[in-house]
Amino acid sequence: MARPKEFDREDALQRAMTVFWRQGYAATSTEDLVAAMQIGRQSLYDTFGDKRRLYLEALRLYHAQYRLPIALRGGVPPLETIRTALAAPIERGAERRAEGCMGINATAAFGQAEPEITSMSATTARLCETAFEIAVGEGKRDGSIAASVDEAAAGRFLYTTLQGLTVRAQAGASPEALRDVVDFAIETLKAR
């Protein structure tokens, strides 16, 4: 009779996600994973399959947990909501800024060679662009964003800006320089 698993699968996956996020796929060894996950090598294979399958599952978890936290909240003006979303990678501590975004890191590491990664990235992009698009539409309705702004184009622009800010923060750009980019993006949207 097989012994029951003696670990929490979700906790172990969360720990694996953190290791992959910090080190990337290529630099993460099976030894790194079993140590961080606090499980044996055989449990890793029995539960998650191989390193690649574990990485993909950890990346799915990352995408589910860290999608753009932008939603129009009662009483928060749309431009402020957009500014807060864009500034999120800047306001993190230096260690978190250096980790960047696991989704962006995966896309940079694999390009389009891994269809599952490409699909996850595209899904997250659509969701984030749509969230920005909704905020821009609300800003147009309340008069804070210029009526001439194309909502879909603005959604794509803002998400791409957020990705760029995240990468630049990871590369060590100063928070002041990055805040200038946020200010510029907000100014391009404002009604005159």
C-alpha atoms as a PDB file:
ATOM      1  CA  MET A   1       0.000   0.000   0.000  1.00  0.00           C
ATOM      2  CA  ALA A   2       1.366   3.421  -0.984  1.00  0.00           C
ATOM      3  CA  ARG A   3       2.183   5.847   1.781  1.00  0.00           C
ATOM      4  CA  PRO A   4      -0.042   8.942   1.795  1.00  0.00           C
ATOM      5  CA  LYS A   5       1.607  12.237   0.915  1.00  0.00           C
ATOM      6  CA  GLU A   6       2.836  14.028   3.994  1.00  0.00           C
ATOM      7  CA  PHE A   7       2.942  17.552   2.629  1.00  0.00           C
ATOM      8  CA  ASP A   8       0.550  20.247   1.502  1.00  0.00           C
ATOM      9  CA  ARG A   9       0.584  20.245  -2.295  1.00  0.00           C
ATOM     10  CA  GLU A  10      -0.473  23.887  -2.640  1.00  0.00           C
ATOM     11  CA  ASP A  11       2.131  25.058  -0.140  1.00  0.00           C
ATOM     12  CA  ALA A  12       4.825  23.078  -1.959  1.00  0.00           C
ATOM     13  CA  LEU A  13       3.726  24.564  -5.294  1.00  0.00           C
ATOM     14  CA  GLN A  14       3.805  28.069  -3.810  1.00  0.00           C
ATOM     15  CA  ARG A  15       7.368  27.452  -2.633  1.00  0.00           C
ATOM     16  CA  ALA A  16       8.382  26.126  -6.061  1.00  0.00           C
ATOM     17  CA  MET A  17       6.878  29.210  -7.672  1.00  0.00           C
ATOM     18  CA  THR A  18       9.002  31.444  -5.442  1.00  0.00           C
ATOM     19  CA  VAL A  19      12.204  29.575  -6.351  1.00  0.00           C
ATOM     20  CA  PHE A  20      11.474  29.664 -10.084  1.00  0.00           C
ATOM     21  CA  TRP A  21      10.519  33.345  -9.856  1.00  0.00           C
ATOM     22  CA  ARG A  22      13.755  34.288  -8.118  1.00  0.00           C
ATOM     23  CA  GLN A  23      16.139  32.053 -10.057  1.00  0.00           C
ATOM     24  CA  GLY A  24      14.435  31.350 -13.365  1.00  0.00           C
ATOM     25  CA  TYR A  25      13.868  27.960 -14.920  1.00  0.00           C
ATOM     26  CA  ALA A  26      17.380  27.237 -16.173  1.00  0.00           C
ATOM     27  CA  ALA A  27      19.172  28.206 -12.949  1.00  0.00           C
ATOM     28  CA  THR A  28      16.830  26.205 -10.711  1.00  0.00           C
ATOM     29  CA  SER A  29      17.990  22.678  -9.936  1.00  0.00           C
ATOM     30  CA  THR A  30      15.912  19.789  -8.665  1.00  0.00           C
ATOM     31  CA  GLU A  31      17.905  20.061  -5.427  1.00  0.00           C
ATOM     32  CA  ASP A  32      16.848  23.714  -5.098  1.00  0.00           C
ATOM     33  CA  LEU A  33      13.238  22.682  -5.559  1.00  0.00           C
ATOM     34  CA  VAL A  34      13.138  19.785  -3.101  1.00  0.00           C
ATOM     35  CA  ALA A  35      14.899  21.919  -0.484  1.00  0.00           C
ATOM     36  CA  ALA A  36      12.514  24.835  -0.905  1.00  0.00           C
ATOM     37  CA  MET A  37       9.412  22.669  -1.207  1.00  0.00           C
ATOM     38  CA  GLN A  38      10.484  20.598   1.815  1.00  0.00           C
ATOM     39  CA  ILE A  39       9.675  17.331   0.062  1.00  0.00           C
ATOM     40  CA  GLY A  40      11.651  14.398  -1.240  1.00  0.00           C
ATOM     41  CA  ARG A  41      12.747  14.077  -4.840  1.00  0.00           C
ATOM     42  CA  GLN A  42      10.394  11.124  -5.443  1.00  0.00           C
ATOM     43  CA  SER A  43       7.456  13.082  -4.008  1.00  0.00           C
ATOM     44  CA  LEU A  44       8.250  15.901  -6.409  1.00  0.00           C
ATOM     45  CA  TYR A  45       8.188  13.539  -9.384  1.00  0.00           C
ATOM     46  CA  ASP A  46       5.146  11.572  -8.162  1.00  0.00           C
ATOM     47  CA  THR A  47       3.132  14.734  -7.498  1.00  0.00           C
ATOM     48  CA  PHE A  48       4.276  17.208 -10.122  1.00  0.00           C
ATOM     49  CA  GLY A  49       5.987  15.149 -12.818  1.00  0.00           C
ATOM     50  CA  ASP A  50       9.227  16.566 -14.123  1.00  0.00           C
ATOM     51  CA  LYS A  51      10.821  19.991 -13.613  1.00  0.00           C
ATOM     52  CA  ARG A  52       9.218  21.408 -16.760  1.00  0.00           C
ATOM     53  CA  ARG A  53       5.698  20.396 -15.693  1.00  0.00           C
ATOM     54  CA  LEU A  54       6.299  21.786 -12.210  1.00  0.00           C
ATOM     55  CA  TYR A  55       7.533  25.048 -13.739  1.00  0.00           C
ATOM     56  CA  LEU A  56       4.447  25.370 -15.942  1.00  0.00           C
ATOM     57  CA  GLU A  57       2.167  24.700 -12.985  1.00  0.00           C
ATOM     58  CA  ALA A  58       4.057  27.233 -10.871  1.00  0.00           C
ATOM     59  CA  LEU A  59       3.802  29.777 -13.695  1.00  0.00           C
ATOM     60  CA  ARG A  60       0.036  29.180 -13.944  1.00  0.00           C
ATOM     61  CA  LEU A  61      -0.200  29.814 -10.202  1.00  0.00           C
ATOM     62  CA  TYR A  62       1.834  33.010 -10.602  1.00  0.00           C
ATOM     63  CA  HIS A  63      -0.435  34.268 -13.374  1.00  0.00           C
ATOM     64  CA  ALA A  64      -3.503  33.525 -11.242  1.00  0.00           C
ATOM     65  CA  GLN A  65      -2.092  35.306  -8.184  1.00  0.00           C
ATOM     66  CA  TYR A  66      -0.377  38.308  -9.723  1.00  0.00           C
ATOM     67  CA  ARG A  67      -2.608  39.513 -12.494  1.00  0.00           C
ATOM     68  CA  LEU A  68      -2.868  43.253 -12.685  1.00  0.00           C
ATOM     69  CA  PRO A  69      -4.730  44.349  -9.557  1.00  0.00           C
ATOM     70  CA  ILE A  70      -6.642  47.075 -11.348  1.00  0.00           C
ATOM     71  CA  ALA A  71     -10.342  47.396 -10.892  1.00  0.00           C
ATOM     72  CA  LEU A  72     -12.467  50.460 -10.614  1.00  0.00           C
ATOM     73  CA  ARG A  73     -13.142  50.794  -6.944  1.00  0.00           C
ATOM     74  CA  GLY A  74     -15.949  52.920  -5.662  1.00  0.00           C
ATOM     75  CA  GLY A  75     -14.789  56.436  -5.037  1.00  0.00           C
ATOM     76  CA  VAL A  76     -11.323  56.067  -6.624  1.00  0.00           C
ATOM     77  CA  PRO A  77     -10.916  58.253  -9.720  1.00  0.00           C
ATOM     78  CA  PRO A  78      -9.879  56.317 -12.852  1.00  0.00           C
ATOM     79  CA  LEU A  79      -6.620  58.226 -13.362  1.00  0.00           C
ATOM     80  CA  GLU A  80      -5.623  57.457  -9.787  1.00  0.00           C
ATOM     81  CA  THR A  81      -6.449  53.774 -10.340  1.00  0.00           C
ATOM     82  CA  ILE A  82      -4.280  53.745 -13.478  1.00  0.00           C
ATOM     83  CA  ARG A  83      -1.446  55.592 -11.716  1.00  0.00           C
ATOM     84  CA  THR A  84      -1.526  53.114  -8.818  1.00  0.00           C
ATOM     85  CA  ALA A  85      -1.375  50.146 -11.208  1.00  0.00           C
ATOM     86  CA  LEU A  86       1.538  51.621 -13.180  1.00  0.00           C
ATOM     87  CA  ALA A  87       3.428  52.542 -10.009  1.00  0.00           C
ATOM     88  CA  ALA A  88       3.068  49.076  -8.440  1.00  0.00           C
ATOM     89  CA  PRO A  89       6.467  47.756  -9.615  1.00  0.00           C
ATOM     90  CA  ILE A  90       8.136  50.961  -8.445  1.00  0.00           C
ATOM     91  CA  GLU A  91       6.673  50.936  -4.947  1.00  0.00           C
ATOM     92  CA  ARG A  92       7.927  47.441  -4.115  1.00  0.00           C
ATOM     93  CA  GLY A  93      11.048  47.054  -2.028  1.00  0.00           C
ATOM     94  CA  ALA A  94      14.400  46.781  -3.805  1.00  0.00           C
ATOM     95  CA  GLU A  95      14.484  42.987  -3.443  1.00  0.00           C
ATOM     96  CA  ARG A  96      11.041  42.590  -5.019  1.00  0.00           C
ATOM     97  CA  ARG A  97      11.906  45.044  -7.801  1.00  0.00           C
ATOM     98  CA  ALA A  98      14.985  42.930  -8.577  1.00  0.00           C
ATOM     99  CA  GLU A  99      12.824  39.795  -8.962  1.00  0.00           C
ATOM    100  CA  GLY A 100      10.711  41.438 -11.627  1.00  0.00           C
ATOM    101  CA  CYS A 101       7.672  39.613 -12.941  1.00  0.00           C
ATOM    102  CA  MET A 102       7.770  35.838 -13.293  1.00  0.00           C
ATOM    103  CA  GLY A 103       5.526  36.068 -16.367  1.00  0.00           C
ATOM    104  CA  ILE A 104       7.793  38.565 -18.117  1.00  0.00           C
ATOM    105  CA  ASN A 105      10.857  36.564 -17.062  1.00  0.00           C
ATOM    106  CA  ALA A 106       9.319  33.396 -18.556  1.00  0.00           C
ATOM    107  CA  THR A 107       8.458  35.135 -21.806  1.00  0.00           C
ATOM    108  CA  ALA A 108      11.967  36.589 -22.058  1.00  0.00           C
ATOM    109  CA  ALA A 109      13.560  33.210 -21.337  1.00  0.00           C
ATOM    110  CA  PHE A 110      11.423  31.104 -23.671  1.00  0.00           C
ATOM    111  CA  GLY A 111      10.101  33.529 -26.289  1.00  0.00           C
ATOM    112  CA  GLN A 112       7.473  31.649 -28.270  1.00  0.00           C
ATOM    113  CA  ALA A 113       9.231  28.279 -27.979  1.00  0.00           C
ATOM    114  CA  GLU A 114       6.828  27.086 -25.258  1.00  0.00           C
ATOM    115  CA  PRO A 115       3.204  27.330 -26.445  1.00  0.00           C
ATOM    116  CA  GLU A 116       1.821  27.030 -22.893  1.00  0.00           C
ATOM    117  CA  ILE A 117       3.894  29.991 -21.734  1.00  0.00           C
ATOM    118  CA  THR A 118       2.869  31.999 -24.790  1.00  0.00           C
ATOM    119  CA  SER A 119      -0.782  31.180 -24.095  1.00  0.00           C
ATOM    120  CA  MET A 120      -0.561  32.177 -20.412  1.00  0.00           C
ATOM    121  CA  SER A 121       1.144  35.426 -21.359  1.00  0.00           C
ATOM    122  CA  ALA A 122      -1.485  36.224 -23.991  1.00  0.00           C
ATOM    123  CA  THR A 123      -4.341  35.526 -21.573  1.00  0.00           C
ATOM    124  CA  THR A 124      -2.844  37.735 -18.890  1.00  0.00           C
ATOM    125  CA  ALA A 125      -2.165  40.471 -21.453  1.00  0.00           C
ATOM    126  CA  ARG A 126      -5.789  40.419 -22.617  1.00  0.00           C
ATOM    127  CA  LEU A 127      -7.092  40.617 -19.045  1.00  0.00           C
ATOM    128  CA  CYS A 128      -4.753  43.447 -18.088  1.00  0.00           C
ATOM    129  CA  GLU A 129      -5.325  45.411 -21.283  1.00  0.00           C
ATOM    130  CA  THR A 130      -9.071  45.072 -20.780  1.00  0.00           C
ATOM    131  CA  ALA A 131      -8.799  46.269 -17.178  1.00  0.00           C
ATOM    132  CA  PHE A 132      -6.894  49.346 -18.326  1.00  0.00           C
ATOM    133  CA  GLU A 133      -9.365  49.846 -21.167  1.00  0.00           C
ATOM    134  CA  ILE A 134     -12.259  49.842 -18.692  1.00  0.00           C
ATOM    135  CA  ALA A 135     -10.480  52.387 -16.491  1.00  0.00           C
ATOM    136  CA  VAL A 136      -9.812  54.619 -19.512  1.00  0.00           C
ATOM    137  CA  GLY A 137     -13.468  54.392 -20.555  1.00  0.00           C
ATOM    138  CA  GLU A 138     -14.560  55.371 -17.069  1.00  0.00           C
ATOM    139  CA  GLY A 139     -12.120  58.300 -17.157  1.00  0.00           C
ATOM    140  CA  LYS A 140     -13.555  59.441 -20.482  1.00  0.00           C
ATOM    141  CA  ARG A 141     -17.039  59.318 -18.989  1.00  0.00           C
ATOM    142  CA  ASP A 142     -16.062  61.353 -15.927  1.00  0.00           C
ATOM    143  CA  GLY A 143     -14.128  63.847 -18.085  1.00  0.00           C
ATOM    144  CA  SER A 144     -10.675  63.235 -16.579  1.00  0.00           C
ATOM    145  CA  ILE A 145      -9.411  61.460 -19.709  1.00  0.00           C
ATOM    146  CA  ALA A 146      -9.573  63.066 -23.139  1.00  0.00           C
ATOM    147  CA  ALA A 147     -12.593  61.988 -25.182  1.00  0.00           C
ATOM    148  CA  SER A 148     -10.325  61.426 -28.191  1.00  0.00           C
ATOM    149  CA  VAL A 149      -8.335  58.636 -26.482  1.00  0.00           C
ATOM    150  CA  ASP A 150      -8.905  55.243 -28.093  1.00  0.00           C
ATOM    151  CA  GLU A 151      -9.722  52.940 -25.164  1.00  0.00           C
ATOM    152  CA  ALA A 152      -8.352  49.733 -26.707  1.00  0.00           C
ATOM    153  CA  ALA A 153      -5.120  51.391 -27.855  1.00  0.00           C
ATOM    154  CA  ALA A 154      -4.727  53.028 -24.444  1.00  0.00           C
ATOM    155  CA  GLY A 155      -5.222  49.651 -22.741  1.00  0.00           C
ATOM    156  CA  ARG A 156      -2.451  48.129 -24.851  1.00  0.00           C
ATOM    157  CA  PHE A 157      -0.199  51.164 -24.300  1.00  0.00           C
ATOM    158  CA  LEU A 158      -0.697  51.136 -20.534  1.00  0.00           C
ATOM    159  CA  TYR A 159      -0.064  47.406 -20.179  1.00  0.00           C
ATOM    160  CA  THR A 160       3.058  47.666 -22.339  1.00  0.00           C
ATOM    161  CA  THR A 161       4.180  50.621 -20.220  1.00  0.00           C
ATOM    162  CA  LEU A 162       3.617  48.580 -17.065  1.00  0.00           C
ATOM    163  CA  GLN A 163       5.721  45.756 -18.492  1.00  0.00           C
ATOM    164  CA  GLY A 164       8.493  48.187 -19.407  1.00  0.00           C
ATOM    165  CA  LEU A 165       8.413  49.750 -15.946  1.00  0.00           C
ATOM    166  CA  THR A 166       8.664  46.297 -14.396  1.00  0.00           C
ATOM    167  CA  VAL A 167      11.688  45.364 -16.507  1.00  0.00           C
ATOM    168  CA  ARG A 168      13.409  48.698 -15.904  1.00  0.00           C
ATOM    169  CA  ALA A 169      12.754  48.396 -12.142  1.00  0.00           C
ATOM    170  CA  GLN A 170      14.240  44.887 -12.246  1.00  0.00           C
ATOM    171  CA  ALA A 171      17.292  46.266 -14.064  1.00  0.00           C
ATOM    172  CA  GLY A 172      17.866  48.804 -11.301  1.00  0.00           C
ATOM    173  CA  ALA A 173      16.403  52.028 -12.698  1.00  0.00           C
ATOM    174  CA  SER A 174      15.773  54.562  -9.960  1.00  0.00           C
ATOM    175  CA  PRO A 175      12.250  54.917  -8.607  1.00  0.00           C
ATOM    176  CA  GLU A 176      12.403  58.631  -9.457  1.00  0.00           C
ATOM    177  CA  ALA A 177      13.138  57.945 -13.134  1.00  0.00           C
ATOM    178  CA  LEU A 178      10.349  55.372 -13.277  1.00  0.00           C
ATOM    179  CA  ARG A 179       7.868  57.747 -11.626  1.00  0.00           C
ATOM    180  CA  ASP A 180       8.656  60.220 -14.424  1.00  0.00           C
ATOM    181  CA  VAL A 181       7.467  57.575 -16.911  1.00  0.00           C
ATOM    182  CA  VAL A 182       4.260  57.055 -14.926  1.00  0.00           C
ATOM    183  CA  ASP A 183       3.674  60.816 -14.832  1.00  0.00           C
ATOM    184  CA  PHE A 184       4.239  61.057 -18.590  1.00  0.00           C
ATOM    185  CA  ALA A 185       1.805  58.204 -19.289  1.00  0.00           C
ATOM    186  CA  ILE A 186      -0.872  59.807 -17.120  1.00  0.00           C
ATOM    187  CA  GLU A 187      -0.360  63.199 -18.765  1.00  0.00           C
ATOM    188  CA  THR A 188      -0.903  61.686 -22.235  1.00  0.00           C
ATOM    189  CA  LEU A 189      -4.374  60.550 -21.148  1.00  0.00           C
ATOM    190  CA  LYS A 190      -5.617  63.665 -19.369  1.00  0.00           C
ATOM    191  CA  ALA A 191      -8.365  65.829 -20.754  1.00  0.00           C
ATOM    192  CA  ARG A 192      -7.141  69.351 -21.393  1.00  0.00           C
END
